[in-house]
């Protein structure tokens, strides 16, 4: 049975590997420096006001994770959550793990009276788009831009 829970310190090595797969294998981005990625994981665990991570665990192994970052919504005059990452290992997909991670994030946002939760996904990630629609997500009225 899959258990969804907040990430804790002893998850760092497994969570690092999940995040590395998400970054490198799934999104085909450059390999992150281990010290930097583990530093991000530790930062979130030590500074819960900036964000947090939930992990999906099955038989003692992490099979997925979600990352929430916290900011503010001036229009709503409340804190706002950004679901920045949602990833499930390929061999664990189709078991509703993504749904459970998403719902846990949404429950956290609602229980803590945030203005809401936003997220984005790649234009070609139709699998994620199907999940988000199923979970009640709607395409925003706002366009997202980026500069690197």
Protein backbone atom coordinates (compact mmCIF):
# COMPACT_ATOMS: atom_id res chain seq x y z
CA UNK A 1 0.00 0.00 0.00
CA UNK A 2 1.25 3.46 -0.89
CA UNK A 3 1.70 5.93 1.95
CA UNK A 4 1.90 9.68 1.30
CA UNK A 5 3.71 11.70 3.94
CA UNK A 6 5.93 14.76 4.36
CA UNK A 7 9.57 14.19 3.48
CA UNK A 8 11.94 13.90 6.43
CA UNK A 9 15.70 13.92 6.82
CA UNK A 10 16.20 10.17 6.37
CA UNK A 11 14.52 10.43 2.92
CA UNK A 12 17.29 12.66 1.53
CA UNK A 13 19.22 10.03 -0.44
CA UNK A 14 16.16 8.39 -1.99
CA UNK A 15 14.52 11.75 -2.63
CA UNK A 16 17.71 12.99 -4.27
CA UNK A 17 17.62 10.05 -6.69
CA UNK A 18 13.93 10.62 -7.49
CA UNK A 19 14.54 14.30 -8.13
CA UNK A 20 17.58 13.52 -10.26
CA UNK A 21 15.48 11.19 -12.41
CA UNK A 22 12.78 13.86 -12.68
CA UNK A 23 15.27 16.51 -13.76
CA UNK A 24 17.58 14.46 -15.99
CA UNK A 25 15.56 11.53 -17.29
CA UNK A 26 12.07 13.02 -17.50
CA UNK A 27 12.75 16.67 -18.35
CA UNK A 28 16.14 15.99 -19.99
CA UNK A 29 17.88 18.82 -18.16
CA UNK A 30 21.55 18.85 -17.14
CA UNK A 31 22.65 16.69 -14.22
CA UNK A 32 22.39 18.78 -11.03
CA UNK A 33 25.26 18.92 -8.61
CA UNK A 34 24.50 16.46 -5.83
CA UNK A 35 25.45 18.93 -3.10
CA UNK A 36 23.10 21.55 -4.54
CA UNK A 37 20.13 19.23 -4.98
CA UNK A 38 20.57 17.72 -1.53
CA UNK A 39 20.95 21.27 -0.21
CA UNK A 40 17.54 22.15 -1.67
CA UNK A 41 15.98 19.08 -0.04
CA UNK A 42 17.52 20.04 3.31
CA UNK A 43 16.48 23.68 2.92
CA UNK A 44 12.84 22.69 2.53
CA UNK A 45 13.01 20.41 5.56
CA UNK A 46 14.66 23.08 7.70
CA UNK A 47 12.58 26.03 6.44
CA UNK A 48 8.96 24.90 6.19
CA UNK A 49 7.78 28.47 5.66
CA UNK A 50 9.40 28.41 2.19
CA UNK A 51 7.90 25.10 1.09
CA UNK A 52 7.72 21.39 1.69
CA UNK A 53 7.85 18.06 -0.05
CA UNK A 54 5.56 15.09 0.17
CA UNK A 55 6.77 11.62 -0.74
CA UNK A 56 4.99 8.47 -1.84
CA UNK A 57 6.39 5.41 -0.09
CA UNK A 58 5.72 1.78 -0.86
CA UNK A 59 7.43 -1.08 1.01
CA UNK A 60 10.05 1.30 2.40
CA UNK A 61 10.98 2.71 -1.03
CA UNK A 62 10.13 6.17 -2.31
CA UNK A 63 8.25 5.97 -5.61
CA UNK A 64 7.18 9.59 -6.07
CA UNK A 65 7.30 13.10 -4.70
CA UNK A 66 5.62 16.49 -4.89
CA UNK A 67 7.12 19.87 -4.03
CA UNK A 68 5.15 22.87 -2.84
CA UNK A 69 6.76 26.30 -2.68
CA UNK A 70 5.07 29.13 -0.82
CA UNK A 71 4.65 32.70 -1.93
CA UNK A 72 1.96 35.36 -1.57
CA UNK A 73 -1.06 36.45 -3.58
CA UNK A 74 -1.54 40.21 -3.40
CA UNK A 75 -4.92 39.94 -5.10
CA UNK A 76 -6.13 37.50 -2.44
CA UNK A 77 -4.07 38.95 0.43
CA UNK A 78 -3.06 35.44 1.46
CA UNK A 79 -0.29 32.95 1.07
CA UNK A 80 -0.26 31.04 -2.21
CA UNK A 81 1.19 27.59 -2.92
CA UNK A 82 2.98 26.62 -6.10
CA UNK A 83 2.99 22.93 -6.93
CA UNK A 84 6.39 23.00 -8.59
CA UNK A 85 6.98 19.27 -9.00
CA UNK A 86 4.92 16.11 -9.17
CA UNK A 87 6.76 12.96 -10.20
CA UNK A 88 6.09 9.24 -9.97
CA UNK A 89 8.54 6.56 -11.08
CA UNK A 90 7.53 5.02 -14.41
CA UNK A 91 6.99 1.55 -12.92
CA UNK A 92 4.64 3.00 -10.28
CA UNK A 93 2.42 4.93 -12.67
CA UNK A 94 -1.17 3.88 -13.21
CA UNK A 95 -1.65 3.14 -9.50
CA UNK A 96 -3.11 6.57 -8.61
CA UNK A 97 0.09 7.64 -6.83
CA UNK A 98 0.08 10.96 -8.69
CA UNK A 99 -3.52 11.54 -7.68
CA UNK A 100 -2.71 10.82 -4.05
CA UNK A 101 0.28 13.19 -4.08
CA UNK A 102 -1.77 15.92 -5.76
CA UNK A 103 -4.68 15.49 -3.34
CA UNK A 104 -2.32 15.59 -0.35
CA UNK A 105 -0.91 18.89 -1.59
CA UNK A 106 -4.38 20.30 -2.18
CA UNK A 107 -5.56 19.14 1.25
CA UNK A 108 -2.54 20.84 2.85
CA UNK A 109 -3.25 24.09 0.99
CA UNK A 110 -6.90 24.08 2.03
CA UNK A 111 -6.23 23.06 5.64
CA UNK A 112 -3.75 25.92 5.99
CA UNK A 113 -6.08 28.49 4.40
CA UNK A 114 -3.89 29.38 1.45
CA UNK A 115 -5.41 31.47 -1.35
CA UNK A 116 -4.96 28.50 -3.66
CA UNK A 117 -2.47 26.32 -5.47
CA UNK A 118 -1.03 26.93 -8.91
CA UNK A 119 1.08 24.70 -11.11
CA UNK A 120 2.32 24.35 -14.63
CA UNK A 121 3.32 21.52 -16.90
CA UNK A 122 4.98 21.21 -20.27
CA UNK A 123 2.72 21.76 -23.27
CA UNK A 124 3.40 18.23 -24.50
CA UNK A 125 2.88 16.50 -21.14
CA UNK A 126 -0.63 15.31 -21.92
CA UNK A 127 -0.49 12.62 -19.23
CA UNK A 128 -0.07 15.27 -16.53
CA UNK A 129 -2.72 17.46 -18.15
CA UNK A 130 -5.19 14.57 -18.00
CA UNK A 131 -4.45 14.09 -14.29
CA UNK A 132 -4.83 17.79 -13.52
CA UNK A 133 -8.17 18.00 -15.33
CA UNK A 134 -9.34 14.88 -13.49
CA UNK A 135 -8.38 16.45 -10.16
CA UNK A 136 -10.46 19.55 -10.91
CA UNK A 137 -7.71 21.79 -12.25
CA UNK A 138 -8.57 24.45 -14.77
CA UNK A 139 -6.38 26.27 -17.25
CA UNK A 140 -5.52 29.65 -15.75
CA UNK A 141 -6.68 32.97 -17.10
CA UNK A 142 -3.06 34.06 -16.75
CA UNK A 143 -0.17 33.39 -19.08
CA UNK A 144 3.11 32.22 -17.56
CA UNK A 145 6.30 33.67 -18.95
CA UNK A 146 9.88 32.83 -18.16
CA UNK A 147 13.40 34.20 -18.58
CA UNK A 148 16.62 32.36 -17.87
